[in-house]
């Protein structure tokens, strides 16, 4: 249960970080519709697309994308809880949360981004290096959320 709570809290912090980037630096806001479309097409066994925008649309893809985003964040919180054990929640430390946060970048780089058609680690995008840096930073913020939420609920 605590794992789900810290995963949810970390995902909220990650979303607040995205709002900050959008407000302060005009960084584009997250668009979870392509992710929702990708998730929808997984039922057909299609994991990798040349361009997810070319795949058949799904009426509720934006909502599905948001649900998936939070489900994955909660899953990562549960994974951390199982990995570190119950004793970590009595005295949380940042390092395990950060290690998990950085490791989870791999799911985006090697599964989600190729699945959306933007290549491994966004390699097909003209701003791939910027995307990679933002991925690492946002997952560090996610790790701070895991740690911070664990501190709040202990």
C-alpha atoms as a PDB file:
ATOM      1  CA  UNK A   1       0.000   0.000   0.000  1.00  0.00           C
ATOM      2  CA  UNK A   2       2.792   2.454   0.902  1.00  0.00           C
ATOM      3  CA  UNK A   3       4.481   1.672  -2.408  1.00  0.00           C
ATOM      4  CA  UNK A   4       1.343   2.703  -4.307  1.00  0.00           C
ATOM      5  CA  UNK A   5       1.096   5.914  -2.284  1.00  0.00           C
ATOM      6  CA  UNK A   6       4.705   6.937  -2.927  1.00  0.00           C
ATOM      7  CA  UNK A   7       4.349   6.078  -6.612  1.00  0.00           C
ATOM      8  CA  UNK A   8       1.254   8.246  -6.855  1.00  0.00           C
ATOM      9  CA  UNK A   9       2.932  11.101  -4.974  1.00  0.00           C
ATOM     10  CA  UNK A  10       6.026  10.891  -7.157  1.00  0.00           C
ATOM     11  CA  UNK A  11       3.922  10.999 -10.325  1.00  0.00           C
ATOM     12  CA  UNK A  12       2.100  14.088  -9.052  1.00  0.00           C
ATOM     13  CA  UNK A  13       5.453  15.796  -8.372  1.00  0.00           C
ATOM     14  CA  UNK A  14       6.668  14.856 -11.853  1.00  0.00           C
ATOM     15  CA  UNK A  15       3.522  16.429 -13.326  1.00  0.00           C
ATOM     16  CA  UNK A  16       4.009  19.575 -11.230  1.00  0.00           C
ATOM     17  CA  UNK A  17       7.563  19.737 -12.565  1.00  0.00           C
ATOM     18  CA  UNK A  18       6.172  19.599 -16.113  1.00  0.00           C
ATOM     19  CA  UNK A  19       3.797  22.463 -15.275  1.00  0.00           C
ATOM     20  CA  UNK A  20       6.740  24.456 -13.920  1.00  0.00           C
ATOM     21  CA  UNK A  21       8.773  23.840 -17.099  1.00  0.00           C
ATOM     22  CA  UNK A  22       5.817  24.885 -19.228  1.00  0.00           C
ATOM     23  CA  UNK A  23       5.103  28.008 -17.179  1.00  0.00           C
ATOM     24  CA  UNK A  24       8.676  29.173 -16.623  1.00  0.00           C
ATOM     25  CA  UNK A  25      10.376  28.089 -19.845  1.00  0.00           C
ATOM     26  CA  UNK A  26       7.537  27.421 -22.327  1.00  0.00           C
ATOM     27  CA  UNK A  27       8.619  23.804 -22.535  1.00  0.00           C
ATOM     28  CA  UNK A  28       5.813  21.931 -24.269  1.00  0.00           C
ATOM     29  CA  UNK A  29       3.218  20.421 -21.951  1.00  0.00           C
ATOM     30  CA  UNK A  30       3.015  16.642 -21.723  1.00  0.00           C
ATOM     31  CA  UNK A  31       0.627  15.152 -24.238  1.00  0.00           C
ATOM     32  CA  UNK A  32      -0.470  11.742 -23.039  1.00  0.00           C
ATOM     33  CA  UNK A  33      -2.760  11.101 -26.032  1.00  0.00           C
ATOM     34  CA  UNK A  34      -0.037   9.413 -28.144  1.00  0.00           C
ATOM     35  CA  UNK A  35       0.784   7.191 -25.172  1.00  0.00           C
ATOM     36  CA  UNK A  36      -2.893   6.326 -24.814  1.00  0.00           C
ATOM     37  CA  UNK A  37      -3.047   5.470 -28.507  1.00  0.00           C
ATOM     38  CA  UNK A  38       0.059   3.314 -28.097  1.00  0.00           C
ATOM     39  CA  UNK A  39      -1.469   1.500 -25.099  1.00  0.00           C
ATOM     40  CA  UNK A  40      -4.708   0.971 -27.029  1.00  0.00           C
ATOM     41  CA  UNK A  41      -2.838  -0.642 -29.918  1.00  0.00           C
ATOM     42  CA  UNK A  42      -0.981  -3.012 -27.585  1.00  0.00           C
ATOM     43  CA  UNK A  43      -4.154  -5.123 -27.506  1.00  0.00           C
ATOM     44  CA  UNK A  44      -3.479  -5.943 -31.168  1.00  0.00           C
ATOM     45  CA  UNK A  45       0.065  -7.015 -30.346  1.00  0.00           C
ATOM     46  CA  UNK A  46       1.587  -3.944 -31.960  1.00  0.00           C
ATOM     47  CA  UNK A  47       4.357  -2.634 -29.715  1.00  0.00           C
ATOM     48  CA  UNK A  48       6.473  -0.618 -32.135  1.00  0.00           C
ATOM     49  CA  UNK A  49       5.127   1.925 -34.605  1.00  0.00           C
ATOM     50  CA  UNK A  50       6.879   3.886 -37.313  1.00  0.00           C
ATOM     51  CA  UNK A  51       4.823   6.882 -36.195  1.00  0.00           C
ATOM     52  CA  UNK A  52       2.086   6.595 -33.574  1.00  0.00           C
ATOM     53  CA  UNK A  53       0.298   9.548 -35.184  1.00  0.00           C
ATOM     54  CA  UNK A  54      -0.350   7.322 -38.207  1.00  0.00           C
ATOM     55  CA  UNK A  55      -1.993   4.613 -36.099  1.00  0.00           C
ATOM     56  CA  UNK A  56      -5.766   4.503 -35.897  1.00  0.00           C
ATOM     57  CA  UNK A  57      -6.983   6.999 -33.276  1.00  0.00           C
ATOM     58  CA  UNK A  58      -8.806   5.920 -30.143  1.00  0.00           C
ATOM     59  CA  UNK A  59     -11.603   8.158 -28.824  1.00  0.00           C
ATOM     60  CA  UNK A  60     -10.348   8.145 -25.228  1.00  0.00           C
ATOM     61  CA  UNK A  61      -6.605   8.081 -25.858  1.00  0.00           C
ATOM     62  CA  UNK A  62      -5.877  11.193 -23.779  1.00  0.00           C
ATOM     63  CA  UNK A  63      -7.597   9.692 -20.716  1.00  0.00           C
ATOM     64  CA  UNK A  64      -5.996   6.303 -21.325  1.00  0.00           C
ATOM     65  CA  UNK A  65      -2.583   7.959 -21.567  1.00  0.00           C
ATOM     66  CA  UNK A  66      -3.061   9.725 -18.226  1.00  0.00           C
ATOM     67  CA  UNK A  67      -4.306   6.532 -16.569  1.00  0.00           C
ATOM     68  CA  UNK A  68      -1.322   4.626 -17.923  1.00  0.00           C
ATOM     69  CA  UNK A  69       1.073   7.369 -16.753  1.00  0.00           C
ATOM     70  CA  UNK A  70      -0.254   7.138 -13.194  1.00  0.00           C
ATOM     71  CA  UNK A  71      -0.482   3.328 -13.249  1.00  0.00           C
ATOM     72  CA  UNK A  72       3.177   3.095 -14.228  1.00  0.00           C
ATOM     73  CA  UNK A  73       4.172   5.615 -11.548  1.00  0.00           C
ATOM     74  CA  UNK A  74       2.276   3.607  -8.925  1.00  0.00           C
ATOM     75  CA  UNK A  75       3.858   0.383 -10.200  1.00  0.00           C
ATOM     76  CA  UNK A  76       7.319   1.931  -9.845  1.00  0.00           C
ATOM     77  CA  UNK A  77       6.471   2.907  -6.264  1.00  0.00           C
ATOM     78  CA  UNK A  78       5.424  -0.667  -5.522  1.00  0.00           C
ATOM     79  CA  UNK A  79       8.626  -1.971  -7.118  1.00  0.00           C
ATOM     80  CA  UNK A  80      10.672   0.347  -4.898  1.00  0.00           C
ATOM     81  CA  UNK A  81       8.756  -0.791  -1.803  1.00  0.00           C
ATOM     82  CA  UNK A  82       9.387  -4.453  -2.609  1.00  0.00           C
ATOM     83  CA  UNK A  83      13.043  -3.797  -3.416  1.00  0.00           C
ATOM     84  CA  UNK A  84      13.936  -1.786  -0.303  1.00  0.00           C
ATOM     85  CA  UNK A  85      11.596  -3.551   2.119  1.00  0.00           C
ATOM     86  CA  UNK A  86       9.369  -2.220   4.862  1.00  0.00           C
ATOM     87  CA  UNK A  87      12.264  -0.973   6.997  1.00  0.00           C
ATOM     88  CA  UNK A  88      13.122   1.698   4.399  1.00  0.00           C
ATOM     89  CA  UNK A  89       9.811   3.431   5.104  1.00  0.00           C
ATOM     90  CA  UNK A  90      10.842   4.029   8.731  1.00  0.00           C
ATOM     91  CA  UNK A  91      13.978   5.896   7.621  1.00  0.00           C
ATOM     92  CA  UNK A  92      13.739   6.635   3.878  1.00  0.00           C
ATOM     93  CA  UNK A  93      16.912   7.518   1.996  1.00  0.00           C
ATOM     94  CA  UNK A  94      17.158   9.171  -1.387  1.00  0.00           C
ATOM     95  CA  UNK A  95      19.678   6.852  -3.067  1.00  0.00           C
ATOM     96  CA  UNK A  96      17.408   3.817  -3.674  1.00  0.00           C
ATOM     97  CA  UNK A  97      14.646   6.099  -4.980  1.00  0.00           C
ATOM     98  CA  UNK A  98      17.098   7.840  -7.303  1.00  0.00           C
ATOM     99  CA  UNK A  99      18.554   4.565  -8.577  1.00  0.00           C
ATOM    100  CA  UNK A 100      15.056   3.345  -9.428  1.00  0.00           C
ATOM    101  CA  UNK A 101      14.182   6.715 -10.988  1.00  0.00           C
ATOM    102  CA  UNK A 102      17.186   6.577 -13.301  1.00  0.00           C
ATOM    103  CA  UNK A 103      16.673   2.890 -14.138  1.00  0.00           C
ATOM    104  CA  UNK A 104      13.078   3.625 -15.152  1.00  0.00           C
ATOM    105  CA  UNK A 105      14.317   6.010 -17.831  1.00  0.00           C
ATOM    106  CA  UNK A 106      15.211   2.831 -19.691  1.00  0.00           C
ATOM    107  CA  UNK A 107      11.542   1.908 -20.083  1.00  0.00           C
ATOM    108  CA  UNK A 108      10.965   5.187 -21.870  1.00  0.00           C
ATOM    109  CA  UNK A 109      14.098   5.021 -23.966  1.00  0.00           C
ATOM    110  CA  UNK A 110      13.906   1.379 -25.014  1.00  0.00           C
ATOM    111  CA  UNK A 111      10.178   0.627 -25.018  1.00  0.00           C
ATOM    112  CA  UNK A 112       7.905   3.676 -25.043  1.00  0.00           C
ATOM    113  CA  UNK A 113       9.852   5.998 -27.345  1.00  0.00           C
ATOM    114  CA  UNK A 114      10.543   3.288 -29.965  1.00  0.00           C
ATOM    115  CA  UNK A 115       6.921   2.205 -29.535  1.00  0.00           C
ATOM    116  CA  UNK A 116       5.784   5.713 -30.428  1.00  0.00           C
ATOM    117  CA  UNK A 117       8.085   5.736 -33.440  1.00  0.00           C
ATOM    118  CA  UNK A 118      10.628   8.286 -32.204  1.00  0.00           C
ATOM    119  CA  UNK A 119      13.465   5.764 -31.962  1.00  0.00           C
ATOM    120  CA  UNK A 120      15.567   4.403 -29.143  1.00  0.00           C
ATOM    121  CA  UNK A 121      16.158   7.214 -26.655  1.00  0.00           C
ATOM    122  CA  UNK A 122      14.329   9.609 -29.000  1.00  0.00           C
ATOM    123  CA  UNK A 123      17.074   9.118 -31.604  1.00  0.00           C
ATOM    124  CA  UNK A 124      14.795  10.078 -34.513  1.00  0.00           C
ATOM    125  CA  UNK A 125      13.977  13.487 -33.037  1.00  0.00           C
ATOM    126  CA  UNK A 126      15.993  16.564 -34.010  1.00  0.00           C
ATOM    127  CA  UNK A 127      16.294  17.490 -30.316  1.00  0.00           C
ATOM    128  CA  UNK A 128      17.129  13.996 -29.056  1.00  0.00           C
ATOM    129  CA  UNK A 129      19.841  15.176 -26.643  1.00  0.00           C
ATOM    130  CA  UNK A 130      17.479  17.687 -25.055  1.00  0.00           C
ATOM    131  CA  UNK A 131      14.778  15.023 -24.721  1.00  0.00           C
ATOM    132  CA  UNK A 132      17.256  12.652 -23.067  1.00  0.00           C
ATOM    133  CA  UNK A 133      18.402  15.286 -20.578  1.00  0.00           C
ATOM    134  CA  UNK A 134      14.797  16.197 -19.773  1.00  0.00           C
ATOM    135  CA  UNK A 135      13.999  12.494 -19.293  1.00  0.00           C
ATOM    136  CA  UNK A 136      16.843  12.112 -16.813  1.00  0.00           C
ATOM    137  CA  UNK A 137      15.878  15.274 -14.945  1.00  0.00           C
ATOM    138  CA  UNK A 138      12.174  14.430 -14.804  1.00  0.00           C
ATOM    139  CA  UNK A 139      12.928  10.937 -13.519  1.00  0.00           C
ATOM    140  CA  UNK A 140      15.185  12.478 -10.881  1.00  0.00           C
ATOM    141  CA  UNK A 141      12.216  14.651  -9.892  1.00  0.00           C
ATOM    142  CA  UNK A 142      10.142  11.451  -9.798  1.00  0.00           C
ATOM    143  CA  UNK A 143      12.758   9.954  -7.446  1.00  0.00           C
ATOM    144  CA  UNK A 144      12.539  13.049  -5.247  1.00  0.00           C
ATOM    145  CA  UNK A 145       8.791  12.460  -5.200  1.00  0.00           C
ATOM    146  CA  UNK A 146       9.238   8.848  -4.112  1.00  0.00           C
ATOM    147  CA  UNK A 147      11.582   9.921  -1.341  1.00  0.00           C
ATOM    148  CA  UNK A 148       9.572  12.973  -0.306  1.00  0.00           C
ATOM    149  CA  UNK A 149       6.282  11.098  -0.207  1.00  0.00           C
ATOM    150  CA  UNK A 150       7.912   8.351   1.868  1.00  0.00           C
ATOM    151  CA  UNK A 151       9.075  11.028   4.316  1.00  0.00           C
ATOM    152  CA  UNK A 152       5.549  12.452   4.484  1.00  0.00           C
ATOM    153  CA  UNK A 153       3.846   9.123   5.212  1.00  0.00           C
ATOM    154  CA  UNK A 154       6.326   7.609   7.651  1.00  0.00           C
END
